[in-house]
Amino acid sequence: MEYQHIHTALAEDGILTVTLNRPDRLNAFTLRMKDELVHAFGEASKDNRVRAVVVTGAGRVFCAGMEMEPEDGGNLFGYDRADGEEPPLEAIRDSGGEVSLAVFECRKPVIAAINGAAVGVGITMTLPMDFRVVAEGAKIGFVFSQRGITPEACSTWFLPRLVGMQQAFEWVYSGDIFLAEEGLNAGLFRSVHPRDEVLEAAYGLARKLIAKSSPVSVALAKQMLWRNPNFDHPMQAHAVESRLIYRSSEYWDGKDGFKAFLEKRDPVFDTDLNSVPTQFDFWPEPPLETLNRLL
């Protein structure tokens, strides 16, 4: 896929940089950008050369939210009424949500390097990312209520898990703009840095995450940490952990991990991540079509 609204670059250390690349429009989110981001995260998951992903914005902001003047003149959110008729419900997909789901499903650590303002989908798309580092004084806002619309990009699932219900209520109900420092205090951000140091801070974190770790272990742990807390009882998490620690130690990178430790050498983690299942029976993923019927 030829990218027009994002730019990607893979470094020798395995860190893939994804840059929102519409600086003349403050990196405003477009349907083209959505398609490109979904594609980029899908490719990153499959590419064994990629160990971590850093997402940033070109120019002075991260993302100013949804592009309010689409180039094709179509609906901001990707659907239109044809001859005044309502579109079929199953055809309606929130474009920000498609990106969030692609990030959630990405098997590599994802770090948002928020180099400036991030509002609307500009901040909600970062919520499923594993870490967010941000520029000092950056303006942040879940501004949907002030536009007369509802939150999107799966943010009503992710945001309360990151900052708790009380803080999520306040930010979403008011739609107010707040500064990066408030987000840091609430747990939305990992750290705050001078604007010109944000990207390097993200790279430093990425290097720390991948320096000695197994790609398979990280990919599985990412899904375990997101999914297992939703179980009703810790016994369910125990069952998942029991199965995955067995499989990882017998079939995947764990085969050499313990052996290398006993032999006092660096382990060889050479399992092809594409050979490891992406879905297991203990994490059922409901088909969108089924949910549409229920709704």
C-alpha atoms as a PDB file:
ATOM      1  CA  MET A   1       0.000   0.000   0.000  1.00  0.00           C
ATOM      2  CA  GLU A   2       1.336   3.424  -0.922  1.00  0.00           C
ATOM      3  CA  TYR A   3       1.128   5.757   2.061  1.00  0.00           C
ATOM      4  CA  GLN A   4       0.075   9.356   1.565  1.00  0.00           C
ATOM      5  CA  HIS A   5      -1.071  10.497   5.013  1.00  0.00           C
ATOM      6  CA  ILE A   6       1.462   8.599   7.124  1.00  0.00           C
ATOM      7  CA  HIS A   7       5.143   7.790   6.780  1.00  0.00           C
ATOM      8  CA  THR A   8       6.921   4.691   8.085  1.00  0.00           C
ATOM      9  CA  ALA A   9      10.596   3.983   8.698  1.00  0.00           C
ATOM     10  CA  LEU A  10      12.160   0.822  10.133  1.00  0.00           C
ATOM     11  CA  ALA A  11      15.481   1.293  11.941  1.00  0.00           C
ATOM     12  CA  GLU A  12      18.227  -1.312  12.269  1.00  0.00           C
ATOM     13  CA  ASP A  13      17.319  -1.880  15.927  1.00  0.00           C
ATOM     14  CA  GLY A  14      13.851  -3.082  14.929  1.00  0.00           C
ATOM     15  CA  ILE A  15      11.929   0.046  15.933  1.00  0.00           C
ATOM     16  CA  LEU A  16       9.316   1.058  13.372  1.00  0.00           C
ATOM     17  CA  THR A  17       8.421   4.750  13.392  1.00  0.00           C
ATOM     18  CA  VAL A  18       4.929   5.599  12.137  1.00  0.00           C
ATOM     19  CA  THR A  19       4.502   9.327  11.540  1.00  0.00           C
ATOM     20  CA  LEU A  20       1.156  11.010  11.005  1.00  0.00           C
ATOM     21  CA  ASN A  21       2.181  13.070   8.013  1.00  0.00           C
ATOM     22  CA  ARG A  22      -0.215  15.936   7.262  1.00  0.00           C
ATOM     23  CA  PRO A  23       1.614  18.771   9.014  1.00  0.00           C
ATOM     24  CA  ASP A  24      -0.089  21.427   6.894  1.00  0.00           C
ATOM     25  CA  ARG A  25      -3.416  20.231   8.362  1.00  0.00           C
ATOM     26  CA  LEU A  26      -2.027  19.596  11.865  1.00  0.00           C
ATOM     27  CA  ASN A  27      -2.091  15.876  11.076  1.00  0.00           C
ATOM     28  CA  ALA A  28      -5.884  15.859  11.108  1.00  0.00           C
ATOM     29  CA  PHE A  29      -7.305  12.343  10.857  1.00  0.00           C
ATOM     30  CA  THR A  30      -8.743  11.267   7.510  1.00  0.00           C
ATOM     31  CA  LEU A  31     -10.318   8.098   6.192  1.00  0.00           C
ATOM     32  CA  ARG A  32      -7.200   7.648   4.071  1.00  0.00           C
ATOM     33  CA  MET A  33      -5.070   7.927   7.227  1.00  0.00           C
ATOM     34  CA  LYS A  34      -7.304   5.324   8.873  1.00  0.00           C
ATOM     35  CA  ASP A  35      -6.756   2.852   6.059  1.00  0.00           C
ATOM     36  CA  GLU A  36      -3.015   3.457   6.097  1.00  0.00           C
ATOM     37  CA  LEU A  37      -2.707   3.064   9.869  1.00  0.00           C
ATOM     38  CA  VAL A  38      -4.731  -0.156   9.872  1.00  0.00           C
ATOM     39  CA  HIS A  39      -2.488  -1.495   7.103  1.00  0.00           C
ATOM     40  CA  ALA A  40       0.731  -0.370   8.831  1.00  0.00           C
ATOM     41  CA  PHE A  41      -0.144  -2.032  12.141  1.00  0.00           C
ATOM     42  CA  GLY A  42      -1.175  -5.210  10.384  1.00  0.00           C
ATOM     43  CA  GLU A  43       2.116  -5.345   8.503  1.00  0.00           C
ATOM     44  CA  ALA A  44       4.094  -4.582  11.677  1.00  0.00           C
ATOM     45  CA  SER A  45       2.485  -7.563  13.397  1.00  0.00           C
ATOM     46  CA  LYS A  46       3.553  -9.911  10.608  1.00  0.00           C
ATOM     47  CA  ASP A  47       7.063  -8.535  10.059  1.00  0.00           C
ATOM     48  CA  ASN A  48       9.557 -10.348  12.301  1.00  0.00           C
ATOM     49  CA  ARG A  49      12.049  -7.511  11.779  1.00  0.00           C
ATOM     50  CA  VAL A  50       9.759  -5.144  13.694  1.00  0.00           C
ATOM     51  CA  ARG A  51      10.245  -5.366  17.461  1.00  0.00           C
ATOM     52  CA  ALA A  52       8.412  -2.205  18.554  1.00  0.00           C
ATOM     53  CA  VAL A  53       6.364   0.606  17.028  1.00  0.00           C
ATOM     54  CA  VAL A  54       6.617   4.315  17.855  1.00  0.00           C
ATOM     55  CA  VAL A  55       3.839   6.610  16.616  1.00  0.00           C
ATOM     56  CA  THR A  56       4.393  10.356  16.356  1.00  0.00           C
ATOM     57  CA  GLY A  57       3.245  13.375  14.382  1.00  0.00           C
ATOM     58  CA  ALA A  58       4.999  15.506  11.774  1.00  0.00           C
ATOM     59  CA  GLY A  59       5.402  19.177  12.645  1.00  0.00           C
ATOM     60  CA  ARG A  60       4.303  20.893  15.830  1.00  0.00           C
ATOM     61  CA  VAL A  61       1.303  18.760  16.896  1.00  0.00           C
ATOM     62  CA  PHE A  62       0.487  15.096  17.171  1.00  0.00           C
ATOM     63  CA  CYS A  63      -3.048  15.137  15.760  1.00  0.00           C
ATOM     64  CA  ALA A  64      -5.678  17.872  15.821  1.00  0.00           C
ATOM     65  CA  GLY A  65      -8.539  15.376  15.580  1.00  0.00           C
ATOM     66  CA  MET A  66     -10.854  14.526  12.712  1.00  0.00           C
ATOM     67  CA  GLU A  67     -10.391  16.396   9.447  1.00  0.00           C
ATOM     68  CA  MET A  68     -13.434  18.663   9.305  1.00  0.00           C
ATOM     69  CA  GLU A  69     -13.169  19.289   5.550  1.00  0.00           C
ATOM     70  CA  PRO A  70     -12.784  15.881   3.842  1.00  0.00           C
ATOM     71  CA  GLU A  71     -11.046  16.064   0.477  1.00  0.00           C
ATOM     72  CA  ASP A  72     -13.766  14.001  -1.183  1.00  0.00           C
ATOM     73  CA  GLY A  73     -16.580  16.011   0.399  1.00  0.00           C
ATOM     74  CA  GLY A  74     -17.996  12.858   1.995  1.00  0.00           C
ATOM     75  CA  ASN A  75     -19.127  12.139   5.519  1.00  0.00           C
ATOM     76  CA  LEU A  76     -16.509  12.740   8.208  1.00  0.00           C
ATOM     77  CA  PHE A  77     -16.955   9.256   9.598  1.00  0.00           C
ATOM     78  CA  GLY A  78     -17.000   7.278   6.385  1.00  0.00           C
ATOM     79  CA  TYR A  79     -20.663   6.712   5.583  1.00  0.00           C
ATOM     80  CA  ASP A  80     -23.313   8.672   3.703  1.00  0.00           C
ATOM     81  CA  ARG A  81     -27.061   8.683   3.362  1.00  0.00           C
ATOM     82  CA  ALA A  82     -27.878   7.673  -0.199  1.00  0.00           C
ATOM     83  CA  ASP A  83     -30.913   9.547  -1.514  1.00  0.00           C
ATOM     84  CA  GLY A  84     -31.885  10.386   2.048  1.00  0.00           C
ATOM     85  CA  GLU A  85     -31.915   6.745   3.147  1.00  0.00           C
ATOM     86  CA  GLU A  86     -30.243   5.525   6.315  1.00  0.00           C
ATOM     87  CA  PRO A  87     -27.182   3.328   5.748  1.00  0.00           C
ATOM     88  CA  PRO A  88     -27.540  -0.288   6.929  1.00  0.00           C
ATOM     89  CA  LEU A  89     -26.336  -0.558  10.528  1.00  0.00           C
ATOM     90  CA  GLU A  90     -23.899  -3.328   9.705  1.00  0.00           C
ATOM     91  CA  ALA A  91     -22.173  -1.004   7.235  1.00  0.00           C
ATOM     92  CA  ILE A  92     -21.402   1.640   9.851  1.00  0.00           C
ATOM     93  CA  ARG A  93     -17.891   1.399  11.256  1.00  0.00           C
ATOM     94  CA  ASP A  94     -16.310   4.115  13.379  1.00  0.00           C
ATOM     95  CA  SER A  95     -13.041   4.872  11.587  1.00  0.00           C
ATOM     96  CA  GLY A  96     -11.190   5.670  14.803  1.00  0.00           C
ATOM     97  CA  GLY A  97     -12.359   2.380  16.229  1.00  0.00           C
ATOM     98  CA  GLU A  98     -10.889   0.517  13.284  1.00  0.00           C
ATOM     99  CA  VAL A  99      -7.502   2.038  14.111  1.00  0.00           C
ATOM    100  CA  SER A 100      -7.844   1.275  17.820  1.00  0.00           C
ATOM    101  CA  LEU A 101      -8.669  -2.346  17.098  1.00  0.00           C
ATOM    102  CA  ALA A 102      -5.665  -2.599  14.763  1.00  0.00           C
ATOM    103  CA  VAL A 103      -3.428  -1.238  17.546  1.00  0.00           C
ATOM    104  CA  PHE A 104      -5.000  -3.599  20.087  1.00  0.00           C
ATOM    105  CA  GLU A 105      -4.364  -6.557  17.802  1.00  0.00           C
ATOM    106  CA  CYS A 106      -0.778  -5.527  16.991  1.00  0.00           C
ATOM    107  CA  ARG A 107       1.625  -8.066  18.485  1.00  0.00           C
ATOM    108  CA  LYS A 108       4.447  -5.606  19.059  1.00  0.00           C
ATOM    109  CA  PRO A 109       4.777  -2.978  21.814  1.00  0.00           C
ATOM    110  CA  VAL A 110       3.329   0.329  20.617  1.00  0.00           C
ATOM    111  CA  ILE A 111       4.426   3.675  22.072  1.00  0.00           C
ATOM    112  CA  ALA A 112       2.787   7.012  21.323  1.00  0.00           C
ATOM    113  CA  ALA A 113       5.298   9.867  21.150  1.00  0.00           C
ATOM    114  CA  ILE A 114       2.804  12.731  21.472  1.00  0.00           C
ATOM    115  CA  ASN A 115       4.854  15.694  20.321  1.00  0.00           C
ATOM    116  CA  GLY A 116       2.095  18.292  20.644  1.00  0.00           C
ATOM    117  CA  ALA A 117      -1.652  18.769  20.818  1.00  0.00           C
ATOM    118  CA  ALA A 118      -3.812  15.641  20.647  1.00  0.00           C
ATOM    119  CA  VAL A 119      -7.582  16.089  20.687  1.00  0.00           C
ATOM    120  CA  GLY A 120     -10.559  13.969  19.693  1.00  0.00           C
ATOM    121  CA  VAL A 121      -9.427  10.959  17.723  1.00  0.00           C
ATOM    122  CA  GLY A 122      -5.918  12.368  18.077  1.00  0.00           C
ATOM    123  CA  ILE A 123      -5.903  11.199  21.693  1.00  0.00           C
ATOM    124  CA  THR A 124      -8.396   8.316  21.575  1.00  0.00           C
ATOM    125  CA  MET A 125      -6.375   6.452  18.943  1.00  0.00           C
ATOM    126  CA  THR A 126      -3.468   6.344  21.426  1.00  0.00           C
ATOM    127  CA  LEU A 127      -5.430   4.719  24.253  1.00  0.00           C
ATOM    128  CA  PRO A 128      -4.846   1.105  23.099  1.00  0.00           C
ATOM    129  CA  MET A 129      -1.133   1.857  22.687  1.00  0.00           C
ATOM    130  CA  ASP A 130       0.970   0.367  25.462  1.00  0.00           C
ATOM    131  CA  PHE A 131       2.601   3.645  26.498  1.00  0.00           C
ATOM    132  CA  ARG A 132       2.126   7.348  25.877  1.00  0.00           C
ATOM    133  CA  VAL A 133       4.943   9.867  26.338  1.00  0.00           C
ATOM    134  CA  VAL A 134       4.019  13.491  25.770  1.00  0.00           C
ATOM    135  CA  ALA A 135       5.425  16.958  25.279  1.00  0.00           C
ATOM    136  CA  GLU A 136       5.326  19.464  28.109  1.00  0.00           C
ATOM    137  CA  GLY A 137       2.280  21.692  27.910  1.00  0.00           C
ATOM    138  CA  ALA A 138       0.660  19.711  25.102  1.00  0.00           C
ATOM    139  CA  LYS A 139      -3.080  20.335  24.875  1.00  0.00           C
ATOM    140  CA  ILE A 140      -5.227  17.226  25.231  1.00  0.00           C
ATOM    141  CA  GLY A 141      -8.984  16.903  24.926  1.00  0.00           C
ATOM    142  CA  PHE A 142     -11.809  14.389  24.684  1.00  0.00           C
ATOM    143  CA  VAL A 143     -13.918  17.089  23.058  1.00  0.00           C
ATOM    144  CA  PHE A 144     -16.869  15.061  21.772  1.00  0.00           C
ATOM    145  CA  SER A 145     -19.547  16.522  24.056  1.00  0.00           C
ATOM    146  CA  GLN A 146     -18.667  20.004  22.837  1.00  0.00           C
ATOM    147  CA  ARG A 147     -19.311  18.855  19.265  1.00  0.00           C
ATOM    148  CA  GLY A 148     -22.612  17.161  20.106  1.00  0.00           C
ATOM    149  CA  ILE A 149     -21.302  13.662  19.353  1.00  0.00           C
ATOM    150  CA  THR A 150     -20.297  10.647  21.412  1.00  0.00           C
ATOM    151  CA  PRO A 151     -16.847   9.187  22.166  1.00  0.00           C
ATOM    152  CA  GLU A 152     -15.348   6.820  19.591  1.00  0.00           C
ATOM    153  CA  ALA A 153     -12.227   4.738  18.819  1.00  0.00           C
ATOM    154  CA  CYS A 154     -13.207   2.228  21.539  1.00  0.00           C
ATOM    155  CA  SER A 155     -12.319   4.949  24.047  1.00  0.00           C
ATOM    156  CA  THR A 156     -15.212   4.093  26.358  1.00  0.00           C
ATOM    157  CA  TRP A 157     -13.541   0.690  26.821  1.00  0.00           C
ATOM    158  CA  PHE A 158      -9.926   1.837  27.096  1.00  0.00           C
ATOM    159  CA  LEU A 159     -10.082   5.171  28.928  1.00  0.00           C
ATOM    160  CA  PRO A 160     -11.699   3.965  32.192  1.00  0.00           C
ATOM    161  CA  ARG A 161      -9.185   1.129  32.340  1.00  0.00           C
ATOM    162  CA  LEU A 162      -6.323   3.610  32.128  1.00  0.00           C
ATOM    163  CA  VAL A 163      -7.486   6.417  34.433  1.00  0.00           C
ATOM    164  CA  GLY A 164     -10.562   5.133  36.307  1.00  0.00           C
ATOM    165  CA  MET A 165     -14.214   6.023  35.938  1.00  0.00           C
ATOM    166  CA  GLN A 166     -14.213   9.328  37.851  1.00  0.00           C
ATOM    167  CA  GLN A 167     -11.509  10.882  35.705  1.00  0.00           C
ATOM    168  CA  ALA A 168     -12.995   9.459  32.523  1.00  0.00           C
ATOM    169  CA  PHE A 169     -16.391  10.970  33.435  1.00  0.00           C
ATOM    170  CA  GLU A 170     -14.884  14.397  34.038  1.00  0.00           C
ATOM    171  CA  TRP A 171     -12.865  14.577  30.839  1.00  0.00           C
ATOM    172  CA  VAL A 172     -15.593  13.114  28.612  1.00  0.00           C
ATOM    173  CA  TYR A 173     -18.585  14.939  30.089  1.00  0.00           C
ATOM    174  CA  SER A 174     -16.919  18.368  30.065  1.00  0.00           C
ATOM    175  CA  GLY A 175     -15.029  17.988  26.799  1.00  0.00           C
ATOM    176  CA  ASP A 176     -12.539  20.471  28.251  1.00  0.00           C
ATOM    177  CA  ILE A 177      -8.990  20.860  26.999  1.00  0.00           C
ATOM    178  CA  PHE A 178      -6.363  20.014  29.628  1.00  0.00           C
ATOM    179  CA  LEU A 179      -2.573  20.013  29.664  1.00  0.00           C
ATOM    180  CA  ALA A 180      -0.220  17.066  29.469  1.00  0.00           C
ATOM    181  CA  GLU A 181       0.748  17.480  33.114  1.00  0.00           C
ATOM    182  CA  GLU A 182      -2.834  16.806  34.242  1.00  0.00           C
ATOM    183  CA  GLY A 183      -2.863  13.679  32.097  1.00  0.00           C
ATOM    184  CA  LEU A 184       0.396  12.546  33.679  1.00  0.00           C
ATOM    185  CA  ASN A 185      -1.031  12.924  37.191  1.00  0.00           C
ATOM    186  CA  ALA A 186      -4.103  10.915  36.200  1.00  0.00           C
ATOM    187  CA  GLY A 187      -2.078   8.056  34.710  1.00  0.00           C
ATOM    188  CA  LEU A 188      -2.930   8.724  31.081  1.00  0.00           C
ATOM    189  CA  PHE A 189       0.724   9.378  30.245  1.00  0.00           C
ATOM    190  CA  ARG A 190       3.866   7.560  31.305  1.00  0.00           C
ATOM    191  CA  SER A 191       6.062  10.649  31.249  1.00  0.00           C
ATOM    192  CA  VAL A 192       6.279  14.280  30.134  1.00  0.00           C
ATOM    193  CA  HIS A 193       9.299  15.663  28.264  1.00  0.00           C
ATOM    194  CA  PRO A 194      10.449  18.831  26.512  1.00  0.00           C
ATOM    195  CA  ARG A 195       8.962  18.821  23.028  1.00  0.00           C
ATOM    196  CA  ASP A 196      12.266  18.125  21.282  1.00  0.00           C
ATOM    197  CA  GLU A 197      12.972  15.147  23.566  1.00  0.00           C
ATOM    198  CA  VAL A 198       9.669  13.285  23.252  1.00  0.00           C
ATOM    199  CA  LEU A 199      10.646  11.096  20.313  1.00  0.00           C
ATOM    200  CA  GLU A 200      13.987  10.098  21.816  1.00  0.00           C
ATOM    201  CA  ALA A 201      12.237   9.275  25.098  1.00  0.00           C
ATOM    202  CA  ALA A 202       9.937   6.945  23.177  1.00  0.00           C
ATOM    203  CA  TYR A 203      12.876   5.318  21.414  1.00  0.00           C
ATOM    204  CA  GLY A 204      14.688   4.866  24.718  1.00  0.00           C
ATOM    205  CA  LEU A 205      11.664   3.132  26.197  1.00  0.00           C
ATOM    206  CA  ALA A 206      11.281   0.947  23.114  1.00  0.00           C
ATOM    207  CA  ARG A 207      14.917  -0.146  23.312  1.00  0.00           C
ATOM    208  CA  LYS A 208      14.465  -1.050  26.966  1.00  0.00           C
ATOM    209  CA  LEU A 209      11.411  -3.166  26.181  1.00  0.00           C
ATOM    210  CA  ILE A 210      13.049  -5.185  23.404  1.00  0.00           C
ATOM    211  CA  ALA A 211      16.696  -5.381  24.502  1.00  0.00           C
ATOM    212  CA  LYS A 212      16.508  -8.797  26.200  1.00  0.00           C
ATOM    213  CA  SER A 213      12.929  -9.905  25.689  1.00  0.00           C
ATOM    214  CA  SER A 214      11.382 -12.638  23.581  1.00  0.00           C
ATOM    215  CA  PRO A 215       9.074 -11.347  20.827  1.00  0.00           C
ATOM    216  CA  VAL A 216       6.720 -14.258  21.505  1.00  0.00           C
ATOM    217  CA  SER A 217       6.634 -13.588  25.250  1.00  0.00           C
ATOM    218  CA  VAL A 218       5.898  -9.907  24.699  1.00  0.00           C
ATOM    219  CA  ALA A 219       3.159 -10.576  22.150  1.00  0.00           C
ATOM    220  CA  LEU A 220       1.386 -13.024  24.435  1.00  0.00           C
ATOM    221  CA  ALA A 221       1.879 -10.971  27.598  1.00  0.00           C
ATOM    222  CA  LYS A 222       0.381  -7.937  25.845  1.00  0.00           C
ATOM    223  CA  GLN A 223      -2.842  -9.797  25.159  1.00  0.00           C
ATOM    224  CA  MET A 224      -2.886 -11.418  28.597  1.00  0.00           C
ATOM    225  CA  LEU A 225      -2.604  -8.068  30.362  1.00  0.00           C
ATOM    226  CA  TRP A 226      -5.379  -6.520  28.262  1.00  0.00           C
ATOM    227  CA  ARG A 227      -7.754  -9.473  28.289  1.00  0.00           C
ATOM    228  CA  ASN A 228      -7.300 -11.405  31.538  1.00  0.00           C
ATOM    229  CA  PRO A 229      -8.428  -8.586  33.892  1.00  0.00           C
ATOM    230  CA  ASN A 230     -11.870  -8.847  32.288  1.00  0.00           C
ATOM    231  CA  PHE A 231     -12.380 -12.374  33.623  1.00  0.00           C
ATOM    232  CA  ASP A 232     -14.842 -12.867  36.487  1.00  0.00           C
ATOM    233  CA  HIS A 233     -12.483 -14.982  38.616  1.00  0.00           C
ATOM    234  CA  PRO A 234      -8.688 -15.321  38.936  1.00  0.00           C
ATOM    235  CA  MET A 235      -9.042 -19.039  38.233  1.00  0.00           C
ATOM    236  CA  GLN A 236      -9.757 -18.116  34.615  1.00  0.00           C
ATOM    237  CA  ALA A 237      -6.499 -16.159  34.424  1.00  0.00           C
ATOM    238  CA  HIS A 238      -4.756 -19.129  36.030  1.00  0.00           C
ATOM    239  CA  ALA A 239      -6.066 -21.408  33.302  1.00  0.00           C
ATOM    240  CA  VAL A 240      -4.830 -19.075  30.549  1.00  0.00           C
ATOM    241  CA  GLU A 241      -1.418 -18.621  32.178  1.00  0.00           C
ATOM    242  CA  SER A 242      -1.041 -22.356  32.699  1.00  0.00           C
ATOM    243  CA  ARG A 243      -1.668 -23.128  29.049  1.00  0.00           C
ATOM    244  CA  LEU A 244       0.524 -20.353  27.673  1.00  0.00           C
ATOM    245  CA  ILE A 245       3.517 -20.902  29.950  1.00  0.00           C
ATOM    246  CA  TYR A 246       3.429 -24.575  28.957  1.00  0.00           C
ATOM    247  CA  ARG A 247       3.244 -23.833  25.245  1.00  0.00           C
ATOM    248  CA  SER A 248       5.868 -21.095  25.365  1.00  0.00           C
ATOM    249  CA  SER A 249       8.329 -23.228  27.309  1.00  0.00           C
ATOM    250  CA  GLU A 250       7.802 -26.396  25.267  1.00  0.00           C
ATOM    251  CA  TYR A 251       7.316 -25.082  21.752  1.00  0.00           C
ATOM    252  CA  TRP A 252       8.348 -21.444  21.432  1.00  0.00           C
ATOM    253  CA  ASP A 253      11.118 -19.157  22.713  1.00  0.00           C
ATOM    254  CA  GLY A 254      11.053 -20.638  26.197  1.00  0.00           C
ATOM    255  CA  LYS A 255      12.707 -23.757  24.829  1.00  0.00           C
ATOM    256  CA  ASP A 256      16.067 -21.979  24.903  1.00  0.00           C
ATOM    257  CA  GLY A 257      15.317 -19.406  27.593  1.00  0.00           C
ATOM    258  CA  PHE A 258      15.876 -21.616  30.638  1.00  0.00           C
ATOM    259  CA  LYS A 259      18.639 -23.594  28.969  1.00  0.00           C
ATOM    260  CA  ALA A 260      20.532 -20.396  28.194  1.00  0.00           C
ATOM    261  CA  PHE A 261      20.111 -19.201  31.788  1.00  0.00           C
ATOM    262  CA  LEU A 262      21.628 -22.403  33.154  1.00  0.00           C
ATOM    263  CA  GLU A 263      24.448 -22.245  30.612  1.00  0.00           C
ATOM    264  CA  LYS A 264      25.096 -18.572  31.444  1.00  0.00           C
ATOM    265  CA  ARG A 265      24.693 -17.348  27.878  1.00  0.00           C
ATOM    266  CA  ASP A 266      22.314 -15.154  25.933  1.00  0.00           C
ATOM    267  CA  PRO A 267      19.202 -17.026  24.797  1.00  0.00           C
ATOM    268  CA  VAL A 268      18.350 -17.505  21.152  1.00  0.00           C
ATOM    269  CA  PHE A 269      14.794 -16.341  20.560  1.00  0.00           C
ATOM    270  CA  ASP A 270      14.167 -17.448  17.000  1.00  0.00           C
ATOM    271  CA  THR A 271      10.536 -18.552  16.952  1.00  0.00           C
ATOM    272  CA  ASP A 272       8.678 -17.129  13.971  1.00  0.00           C
ATOM    273  CA  LEU A 273       5.946 -15.081  15.616  1.00  0.00           C
ATOM    274  CA  ASN A 274       3.684 -15.852  12.673  1.00  0.00           C
ATOM    275  CA  SER A 275       3.700 -19.511  13.773  1.00  0.00           C
ATOM    276  CA  VAL A 276       2.149 -18.596  17.133  1.00  0.00           C
ATOM    277  CA  PRO A 277      -1.670 -18.416  17.139  1.00  0.00           C
ATOM    278  CA  THR A 278      -3.227 -14.974  17.215  1.00  0.00           C
ATOM    279  CA  GLN A 279      -6.474 -16.212  18.755  1.00  0.00           C
ATOM    280  CA  PHE A 280      -7.174 -18.801  21.437  1.00  0.00           C
ATOM    281  CA  ASP A 281     -10.422 -20.393  22.577  1.00  0.00           C
ATOM    282  CA  PHE A 282     -10.156 -18.784  26.002  1.00  0.00           C
ATOM    283  CA  TRP A 283     -10.291 -15.303  24.433  1.00  0.00           C
ATOM    284  CA  PRO A 284     -13.353 -15.470  22.189  1.00  0.00           C
ATOM    285  CA  GLU A 285     -13.641 -12.528  19.846  1.00  0.00           C
ATOM    286  CA  PRO A 286     -17.271 -11.830  18.955  1.00  0.00           C
ATOM    287  CA  PRO A 287     -17.891 -11.321  15.243  1.00  0.00           C
ATOM    288  CA  LEU A 288     -19.007  -7.798  14.439  1.00  0.00           C
ATOM    289  CA  GLU A 289     -21.977  -9.153  12.488  1.00  0.00           C
ATOM    290  CA  THR A 290     -23.261 -10.938  15.618  1.00  0.00           C
ATOM    291  CA  LEU A 291     -22.977  -7.790  17.698  1.00  0.00           C
ATOM    292  CA  ASN A 292     -24.780  -5.784  15.046  1.00  0.00           C
ATOM    293  CA  ARG A 293     -27.722  -8.196  15.287  1.00  0.00           C
ATOM    294  CA  LEU A 294     -27.790  -7.801  19.066  1.00  0.00           C
ATOM    295  CA  LEU A 295     -27.699  -4.008  18.811  1.00  0.00           C
END
